[in-house]
C-alpha atoms as a PDB file:
ATOM      1  CA  MET A   1    -146.898 170.862  61.163  1.00  0.00           C
ATOM      2  CA  LYS A   2    -143.584 172.078  59.736  1.00  0.00           C
ATOM      3  CA  PHE A   3    -142.281 168.542  59.544  1.00  0.00           C
ATOM      4  CA  ILE A   4    -145.235 167.353  57.449  1.00  0.00           C
ATOM      5  CA  PHE A   5    -145.196 170.358  55.128  1.00  0.00           C
ATOM      6  CA  ILE A   6    -141.525 170.048  54.159  1.00  0.00           C
ATOM      7  CA  PRO A   7    -141.664 166.405  52.974  1.00  0.00           C
ATOM      8  CA  ILE A   8    -144.892 167.055  51.051  1.00  0.00           C
ATOM      9  CA  PHE A   9    -143.363 170.162  49.428  1.00  0.00           C
ATOM     10  CA  LEU A  10    -140.262 168.183  48.434  1.00  0.00           C
ATOM     11  CA  LEU A  11    -142.375 165.356  47.009  1.00  0.00           C
ATOM     12  CA  VAL A  12    -144.469 167.765  44.909  1.00  0.00           C
ATOM     13  CA  PHE A  13    -141.398 169.713  43.762  1.00  0.00           C
ATOM     14  CA  SER A  14    -139.520 166.549  42.768  1.00  0.00           C
ATOM     15  CA  SER A  15    -142.550 165.329  40.770  1.00  0.00           C
ATOM     16  CA  ILE A  16    -142.647 168.617  38.858  1.00  0.00           C
ATOM     17  CA  SER A  17    -138.915 168.366  38.149  1.00  0.00           C
ATOM     18  CA  LEU A  18    -139.283 164.825  36.822  1.00  0.00           C
ATOM     19  CA  ALA A  19    -142.094 165.870  34.480  1.00  0.00           C
ATOM     20  CA  ASN A  20    -140.059 168.796  33.134  1.00  0.00           C
ATOM     21  CA  ASP A  21    -137.042 166.538  32.521  1.00  0.00           C
ATOM     22  CA  LYS A  22    -139.026 164.943  29.685  1.00  0.00           C
ATOM     23  CA  LEU A  23    -139.314 168.220  27.772  1.00  0.00           C
ATOM     24  CA  GLY A  24    -136.739 169.816  25.533  1.00  0.00           C
ATOM     25  CA  LYS A  25    -135.612 173.387  26.086  1.00  0.00           C
ATOM     26  CA  ARG A  26    -137.032 176.278  24.007  1.00  0.00           C
ATOM     27  CA  GLU A  27    -135.218 179.635  23.884  1.00  0.00           C
ATOM     28  CA  VAL A  28    -136.620 182.551  21.884  1.00  0.00           C
ATOM     29  CA  LEU A  29    -133.698 184.257  20.134  1.00  0.00           C
ATOM     30  CA  LEU A  30    -135.716 186.839  18.168  1.00  0.00           C
ATOM     31  CA  ASP A  31    -139.417 187.623  18.013  1.00  0.00           C
ATOM     32  CA  ASN A  32    -140.900 190.596  16.189  1.00  0.00           C
ATOM     33  CA  SER A  33    -143.773 191.284  13.800  1.00  0.00           C
ATOM     34  CA  ASP A  34    -141.982 189.609  10.862  1.00  0.00           C
ATOM     35  CA  VAL A  35    -140.063 186.622  12.234  1.00  0.00           C
ATOM     36  CA  GLU A  36    -139.590 184.300  15.192  1.00  0.00           C
ATOM     37  CA  VAL A  37    -136.300 182.477  15.740  1.00  0.00           C
ATOM     38  CA  VAL A  38    -136.012 179.858  18.466  1.00  0.00           C
ATOM     39  CA  ARG A  39    -133.274 177.519  19.634  1.00  0.00           C
ATOM     40  CA  LEU A  40    -134.602 174.088  20.561  1.00  0.00           C
ATOM     41  CA  THR A  41    -132.507 171.622  22.542  1.00  0.00           C
ATOM     42  CA  TYR A  42    -133.673 168.021  22.862  1.00  0.00           C
ATOM     43  CA  PRO A  43    -131.588 165.798  25.128  1.00  0.00           C
ATOM     44  CA  VAL A  44    -131.993 162.061  24.496  1.00  0.00           C
ATOM     45  CA  GLY A  45    -135.555 160.903  25.225  1.00  0.00           C
ATOM     46  CA  THR A  46    -137.107 164.366  25.515  1.00  0.00           C
ATOM     47  CA  GLU A  47    -139.960 165.816  23.506  1.00  0.00           C
ATOM     48  CA  SER A  48    -141.628 169.096  22.594  1.00  0.00           C
ATOM     49  CA  GLU A  49    -145.216 168.186  23.548  1.00  0.00           C
ATOM     50  CA  MET A  50    -147.986 168.617  20.996  1.00  0.00           C
ATOM     51  CA  HIS A  51    -147.842 172.096  19.433  1.00  0.00           C
ATOM     52  CA  THR A  52    -148.939 173.949  16.293  1.00  0.00           C
ATOM     53  CA  HIS A  53    -146.862 175.884  13.769  1.00  0.00           C
ATOM     54  CA  ILE A  54    -149.194 178.490  12.297  1.00  0.00           C
ATOM     55  CA  HIS A  55    -146.809 180.311   9.948  1.00  0.00           C
ATOM     56  CA  PRO A  56    -146.426 178.619   6.536  1.00  0.00           C
ATOM     57  CA  ASN A  57    -142.737 179.447   6.025  1.00  0.00           C
ATOM     58  CA  ARG A  58    -140.528 177.549   8.484  1.00  0.00           C
ATOM     59  CA  VAL A  59    -136.874 176.615   8.152  1.00  0.00           C
ATOM     60  CA  VAL A  60    -134.972 174.482  10.644  1.00  0.00           C
ATOM     61  CA  TYR A  61    -131.181 174.383  10.915  1.00  0.00           C
ATOM     62  CA  PHE A  62    -129.669 171.482  12.854  1.00  0.00           C
ATOM     63  CA  VAL A  63    -126.727 172.705  14.909  1.00  0.00           C
ATOM     64  CA  LYS A  64    -126.473 169.136  16.272  1.00  0.00           C
ATOM     65  CA  GLY A  65    -128.232 166.458  14.292  1.00  0.00           C
ATOM     66  CA  GLY A  66    -129.702 163.168  15.411  1.00  0.00           C
ATOM     67  CA  VAL A  67    -132.849 161.090  15.140  1.00  0.00           C
ATOM     68  CA  LEU A  68    -136.242 162.722  15.725  1.00  0.00           C
ATOM     69  CA  LYS A  69    -139.721 161.270  15.519  1.00  0.00           C
ATOM     70  CA  LEU A  70    -142.404 163.725  14.350  1.00  0.00           C
ATOM     71  CA  VAL A  71    -145.779 162.552  15.633  1.00  0.00           C
ATOM     72  CA  PRO A  72    -148.749 164.324  13.985  1.00  0.00           C
ATOM     73  CA  LYS A  73    -151.831 165.264  15.987  1.00  0.00           C
ATOM     74  CA  ASP A  74    -153.970 163.596  13.319  1.00  0.00           C
ATOM     75  CA  LYS A  75    -153.820 159.902  14.268  1.00  0.00           C
ATOM     76  CA  MET A  76    -154.644 158.998  10.638  1.00  0.00           C
ATOM     77  CA  GLN A  77    -151.233 160.358   9.559  1.00  0.00           C
ATOM     78  CA  THR A  78    -148.109 158.270   9.970  1.00  0.00           C
ATOM     79  CA  PRO A  79    -145.334 159.549  12.255  1.00  0.00           C
ATOM     80  CA  LYS A  80    -142.112 160.456  10.418  1.00  0.00           C
ATOM     81  CA  VAL A  81    -138.593 159.684  11.554  1.00  0.00           C
ATOM     82  CA  LEU A  82    -135.928 162.228  10.607  1.00  0.00           C
ATOM     83  CA  ASN A  83    -132.278 161.217  10.692  1.00  0.00           C
ATOM     84  CA  VAL A  84    -130.494 164.548  10.298  1.00  0.00           C
ATOM     85  CA  SER A  85    -126.839 165.527  10.203  1.00  0.00           C
ATOM     86  CA  ASP A  86    -125.058 168.416  11.895  1.00  0.00           C
ATOM     87  CA  GLY A  87    -125.505 171.503   9.719  1.00  0.00           C
ATOM     88  CA  GLN A  88    -128.472 170.138   7.751  1.00  0.00           C
ATOM     89  CA  THR A  89    -131.273 172.592   6.868  1.00  0.00           C
ATOM     90  CA  LEU A  90    -134.884 171.653   6.106  1.00  0.00           C
ATOM     91  CA  PHE A  91    -138.045 173.471   5.046  1.00  0.00           C
ATOM     92  CA  LEU A  92    -140.992 172.042   6.980  1.00  0.00           C
ATOM     93  CA  PRO A  93    -144.686 172.715   6.356  1.00  0.00           C
ATOM     94  CA  THR A  94    -147.226 174.097   8.804  1.00  0.00           C
ATOM     95  CA  THR A  95    -148.325 171.321  11.137  1.00  0.00           C
ATOM     96  CA  THR A  96    -149.480 170.265  14.578  1.00  0.00           C
ATOM     97  CA  HIS A  97    -147.127 167.677  16.006  1.00  0.00           C
ATOM     98  CA  ASN A  98    -144.949 166.400  18.843  1.00  0.00           C
ATOM     99  CA  VAL A  99    -141.182 166.120  18.329  1.00  0.00           C
ATOM    100  CA  ILE A 100    -139.433 163.286  20.194  1.00  0.00           C
ATOM    101  CA  ASN A 101    -135.677 162.670  20.307  1.00  0.00           C
ATOM    102  CA  ILE A 102    -135.503 158.891  19.773  1.00  0.00           C
ATOM    103  CA  GLY A 103    -131.781 158.842  19.046  1.00  0.00           C
ATOM    104  CA  ASN A 104    -128.786 158.497  21.349  1.00  0.00           C
ATOM    105  CA  THR A 105    -127.438 162.064  21.029  1.00  0.00           C
ATOM    106  CA  GLU A 106    -128.692 165.521  21.982  1.00  0.00           C
ATOM    107  CA  VAL A 107    -130.314 167.427  19.090  1.00  0.00           C
ATOM    108  CA  VAL A 108    -130.017 171.230  18.812  1.00  0.00           C
ATOM    109  CA  ILE A 109    -132.138 173.131  16.289  1.00  0.00           C
ATOM    110  CA  VAL A 110    -132.427 176.782  15.282  1.00  0.00           C
ATOM    111  CA  GLU A 111    -135.913 177.247  13.843  1.00  0.00           C
ATOM    112  CA  THR A 112    -137.009 180.315  11.887  1.00  0.00           C
ATOM    113  CA  GLU A 113    -140.670 181.044  11.197  1.00  0.00           C
ATOM    114  CA  ILE A 114    -141.513 183.879   8.799  1.00  0.00           C
ATOM    115  CA  LYS A 115    -144.682 185.581  10.056  1.00  0.00           C
ATOM    116  CA  SER A 116    -145.405 187.739   7.014  1.00  0.00           C
ATOM    117  CA  SER A 117    -145.036 186.926   3.334  1.00  0.00           C
END
């Protein structure tokens, strides 16, 4: 029984690892009642998964730029491709979208969402 369990465990664990390799990394740097600041790292080919930004005031600073595809949840909207430089800062509206790194370099973002106005 031990010999069957170990290979099955390894197969399941390796499948989970492969699925997680497709996602970027999200680190919360600050989160309080007024603001949330996160560091997002997207290696080549990774994505955020579909998510919603609920706070209307959001600024993103690109520590490492690159090429990102922003895919809206609403299929009637056209995806946008952002080609951003290191050090570039953008104001982005509230949205529900998936972010995909379609470039050939890792992208690192510091995103600040203001919770209160």
